[in-house]
Amino acid sequence: MPAPRLSVIMPMYNAARFVGMAVESILGQSMGDFVFYIVDDGSTDGSGDIVAAMATTDQRIHLIRQDNRGIVASLNHML
């Protein structure tokens, strides 16, 4: 199987209220040949658990958990 044509990256911190909708929006794009990296930047509201559950049903989702270090550190980690 060839590698995906695109990587999508998304940092999150305490986004439980919106993360499900955000992830579904990305997954629903017309081009499906991508891998989706999401960094949980030390969330305390269950955001990571929401994404982890979504990752069990879609192999494009890859959750990375880290201690809270801020958006720049999260983006750098993904790159």
N, C-alpha and C. Protein backbone atom coordinates (compact mmCIF):
# COMPACT_ATOMS: atom_id res chain seq x y z
N MET A 1 0.85 -1.18 0.00
CA MET A 1 0.00 0.00 0.00
C MET A 1 0.90 1.25 0.00
N PRO A 2 0.67 2.19 -0.91
CA PRO A 2 1.50 3.41 -0.96
C PRO A 2 1.23 4.32 0.24
N ALA A 3 2.20 5.16 0.55
CA ALA A 3 2.05 6.12 1.65
C ALA A 3 0.97 7.15 1.31
N PRO A 4 0.28 7.69 2.33
CA PRO A 4 -0.72 8.73 2.09
C PRO A 4 -0.09 9.94 1.41
N ARG A 5 -0.88 10.65 0.62
CA ARG A 5 -0.40 11.81 -0.10
C ARG A 5 -0.30 13.06 0.76
N LEU A 6 -0.94 13.07 1.92
CA LEU A 6 -1.03 14.28 2.72
C LEU A 6 -1.00 13.93 4.20
N SER A 7 -0.37 14.79 5.00
CA SER A 7 -0.44 14.68 6.45
C SER A 7 -1.15 15.91 6.98
N VAL A 8 -2.13 15.70 7.85
CA VAL A 8 -2.86 16.79 8.48
C VAL A 8 -2.45 16.80 9.94
N ILE A 9 -2.14 17.98 10.47
CA ILE A 9 -1.74 18.07 11.88
C ILE A 9 -2.69 19.02 12.62
N MET A 10 -3.00 18.66 13.86
CA MET A 10 -3.89 19.48 14.66
C MET A 10 -3.48 19.40 16.13
N PRO A 11 -3.09 20.52 16.71
CA PRO A 11 -2.85 20.53 18.15
C PRO A 11 -4.18 20.77 18.87
N MET A 12 -4.28 20.28 20.09
CA MET A 12 -5.49 20.57 20.87
C MET A 12 -5.13 20.67 22.35
N TYR A 13 -5.89 21.50 23.03
CA TYR A 13 -5.76 21.64 24.48
C TYR A 13 -7.14 21.96 25.03
N ASN A 14 -7.64 21.08 25.87
CA ASN A 14 -8.96 21.25 26.49
C ASN A 14 -10.02 21.65 25.47
N ALA A 15 -10.18 20.81 24.46
CA ALA A 15 -11.09 21.08 23.35
C ALA A 15 -12.25 20.09 23.30
N ALA A 16 -12.60 19.49 24.42
CA ALA A 16 -13.62 18.44 24.43
C ALA A 16 -14.93 18.90 23.80
N ARG A 17 -15.27 20.13 23.98
CA ARG A 17 -16.54 20.65 23.46
C ARG A 17 -16.60 20.64 21.93
N PHE A 18 -15.46 20.82 21.28
CA PHE A 18 -15.44 20.98 19.83
C PHE A 18 -14.63 19.93 19.06
N VAL A 19 -13.80 19.16 19.74
CA VAL A 19 -12.85 18.30 19.02
C VAL A 19 -13.55 17.24 18.16
N GLY A 20 -14.64 16.70 18.61
CA GLY A 20 -15.35 15.72 17.80
C GLY A 20 -15.80 16.28 16.47
N MET A 21 -16.37 17.49 16.51
CA MET A 21 -16.81 18.14 15.27
C MET A 21 -15.63 18.48 14.37
N ALA A 22 -14.53 18.92 14.97
CA ALA A 22 -13.34 19.29 14.18
C ALA A 22 -12.76 18.06 13.48
N VAL A 23 -12.65 16.97 14.20
CA VAL A 23 -12.10 15.74 13.62
C VAL A 23 -13.03 15.22 12.52
N GLU A 24 -14.33 15.20 12.78
CA GLU A 24 -15.29 14.74 11.76
C GLU A 24 -15.22 15.60 10.50
N SER A 25 -15.00 16.89 10.67
CA SER A 25 -14.89 17.78 9.52
C SER A 25 -13.69 17.41 8.65
N ILE A 26 -12.57 17.13 9.28
CA ILE A 26 -11.37 16.74 8.52
C ILE A 26 -11.60 15.38 7.85
N LEU A 27 -12.15 14.44 8.58
CA LEU A 27 -12.37 13.10 8.04
C LEU A 27 -13.37 13.10 6.89
N GLY A 28 -14.26 14.07 6.87
CA GLY A 28 -15.29 14.14 5.85
C GLY A 28 -14.88 14.82 4.56
N GLN A 29 -13.65 15.23 4.45
CA GLN A 29 -13.18 15.89 3.23
C GLN A 29 -13.24 14.93 2.04
N SER A 30 -13.38 15.48 0.86
CA SER A 30 -13.51 14.63 -0.33
C SER A 30 -12.24 13.83 -0.63
N MET A 31 -11.08 14.36 -0.29
CA MET A 31 -9.84 13.60 -0.46
C MET A 31 -9.58 12.82 0.83
N GLY A 32 -9.58 11.53 0.75
CA GLY A 32 -9.41 10.73 1.95
C GLY A 32 -8.05 10.11 2.13
N ASP A 33 -7.13 10.40 1.21
CA ASP A 33 -5.81 9.80 1.23
C ASP A 33 -4.85 10.64 2.09
N PHE A 34 -5.05 10.56 3.40
CA PHE A 34 -4.22 11.35 4.32
C PHE A 34 -4.07 10.62 5.65
N VAL A 35 -3.10 11.07 6.41
CA VAL A 35 -2.92 10.64 7.79
C VAL A 35 -3.14 11.87 8.66
N PHE A 36 -3.80 11.69 9.80
CA PHE A 36 -4.24 12.80 10.64
C PHE A 36 -3.58 12.68 12.01
N TYR A 37 -2.61 13.55 12.26
CA TYR A 37 -1.90 13.56 13.54
C TYR A 37 -2.52 14.62 14.44
N ILE A 38 -2.91 14.21 15.64
CA ILE A 38 -3.50 15.12 16.62
C ILE A 38 -2.66 15.04 17.88
N VAL A 39 -2.16 16.19 18.33
CA VAL A 39 -1.38 16.24 19.57
C VAL A 39 -2.27 16.77 20.68
N ASP A 40 -2.44 15.96 21.72
CA ASP A 40 -3.14 16.39 22.93
C ASP A 40 -2.08 17.02 23.83
N ASP A 41 -2.16 18.33 23.95
CA ASP A 41 -1.16 19.11 24.69
C ASP A 41 -1.50 19.18 26.18
N GLY A 42 -1.66 18.01 26.80
CA GLY A 42 -1.89 17.96 28.23
C GLY A 42 -3.30 18.34 28.65
N SER A 43 -4.28 18.05 27.83
CA SER A 43 -5.67 18.39 28.15
C SER A 43 -6.12 17.73 29.45
N THR A 44 -6.99 18.41 30.17
CA THR A 44 -7.52 17.88 31.43
C THR A 44 -9.03 17.69 31.36
N ASP A 45 -9.62 17.88 30.19
CA ASP A 45 -11.08 17.81 30.06
C ASP A 45 -11.58 16.60 29.29
N GLY A 46 -10.72 15.62 29.04
CA GLY A 46 -11.14 14.42 28.33
C GLY A 46 -11.00 14.49 26.82
N SER A 47 -10.42 15.56 26.31
CA SER A 47 -10.24 15.71 24.86
C SER A 47 -9.48 14.52 24.28
N GLY A 48 -8.41 14.12 24.93
CA GLY A 48 -7.61 13.02 24.44
C GLY A 48 -8.39 11.72 24.38
N ASP A 49 -9.26 11.49 25.35
CA ASP A 49 -10.06 10.27 25.36
C ASP A 49 -11.06 10.27 24.20
N ILE A 50 -11.60 11.43 23.87
CA ILE A 50 -12.53 11.54 22.74
C ILE A 50 -11.82 11.16 21.45
N VAL A 51 -10.62 11.72 21.24
CA VAL A 51 -9.87 11.42 20.03
C VAL A 51 -9.41 9.96 20.03
N ALA A 52 -9.00 9.45 21.17
CA ALA A 52 -8.58 8.05 21.24
C ALA A 52 -9.72 7.12 20.82
N ALA A 53 -10.92 7.42 21.23
CA ALA A 53 -12.08 6.61 20.85
C ALA A 53 -12.32 6.71 19.34
N MET A 54 -12.17 7.90 18.78
CA MET A 54 -12.35 8.08 17.34
C MET A 54 -11.27 7.34 16.56
N ALA A 55 -10.06 7.29 17.11
CA ALA A 55 -8.95 6.62 16.44
C ALA A 55 -9.18 5.11 16.33
N THR A 56 -10.00 4.55 17.19
CA THR A 56 -10.27 3.11 17.12
C THR A 56 -11.14 2.76 15.91
N THR A 57 -11.82 3.75 15.34
CA THR A 57 -12.69 3.48 14.20
C THR A 57 -12.16 4.04 12.88
N ASP A 58 -11.05 4.76 12.93
CA ASP A 58 -10.48 5.32 11.70
C ASP A 58 -8.96 5.28 11.80
N GLN A 59 -8.33 4.45 10.98
CA GLN A 59 -6.88 4.25 11.07
C GLN A 59 -6.07 5.45 10.61
N ARG A 60 -6.69 6.46 10.03
CA ARG A 60 -5.96 7.67 9.62
C ARG A 60 -5.61 8.54 10.82
N ILE A 61 -6.31 8.38 11.94
CA ILE A 61 -6.10 9.21 13.12
C ILE A 61 -4.98 8.64 13.97
N HIS A 62 -4.02 9.50 14.31
CA HIS A 62 -2.91 9.12 15.20
C HIS A 62 -2.84 10.15 16.32
N LEU A 63 -3.14 9.72 17.53
CA LEU A 63 -3.12 10.60 18.70
C LEU A 63 -1.75 10.55 19.36
N ILE A 64 -1.22 11.73 19.62
CA ILE A 64 0.05 11.88 20.33
C ILE A 64 -0.25 12.66 21.60
N ARG A 65 0.10 12.10 22.74
CA ARG A 65 -0.14 12.80 24.02
C ARG A 65 1.18 13.34 24.55
N GLN A 66 1.11 14.53 25.12
CA GLN A 66 2.29 15.14 25.74
C GLN A 66 1.84 16.02 26.89
N ASP A 67 2.78 16.36 27.77
CA ASP A 67 2.50 17.33 28.82
C ASP A 67 2.26 18.68 28.17
N ASN A 68 1.52 19.53 28.85
CA ASN A 68 1.21 20.85 28.30
C ASN A 68 2.48 21.68 28.12
N ARG A 69 2.75 22.01 26.84
CA ARG A 69 3.92 22.81 26.51
C ARG A 69 3.58 23.97 25.58
N GLY A 70 2.34 24.06 25.15
CA GLY A 70 1.92 25.16 24.30
C GLY A 70 1.83 24.77 22.84
N ILE A 71 1.19 25.64 22.07
CA ILE A 71 0.90 25.35 20.66
C ILE A 71 2.16 25.23 19.81
N VAL A 72 3.15 26.08 20.05
CA VAL A 72 4.38 26.02 19.24
C VAL A 72 5.09 24.69 19.46
N ALA A 73 5.23 24.27 20.70
CA ALA A 73 5.88 22.98 20.98
C ALA A 73 5.07 21.83 20.39
N SER A 74 3.75 21.94 20.42
CA SER A 74 2.89 20.89 19.85
C SER A 74 3.08 20.79 18.34
N LEU A 75 3.08 21.92 17.68
CA LEU A 75 3.28 21.92 16.23
C LEU A 75 4.67 21.40 15.86
N ASN A 76 5.68 21.83 16.61
CA ASN A 76 7.04 21.34 16.35
C ASN A 76 7.14 19.83 16.56
N HIS A 77 6.47 19.33 17.57
CA HIS A 77 6.47 17.89 17.84
C HIS A 77 5.91 17.14 16.63
N MET A 78 4.83 17.63 16.06
CA MET A 78 4.22 16.97 14.91
C MET A 78 5.09 17.05 13.67
N LEU A 79 5.77 18.16 13.50
CA LEU A 79 6.63 18.30 12.32
C LEU A 79 7.82 17.38 12.44
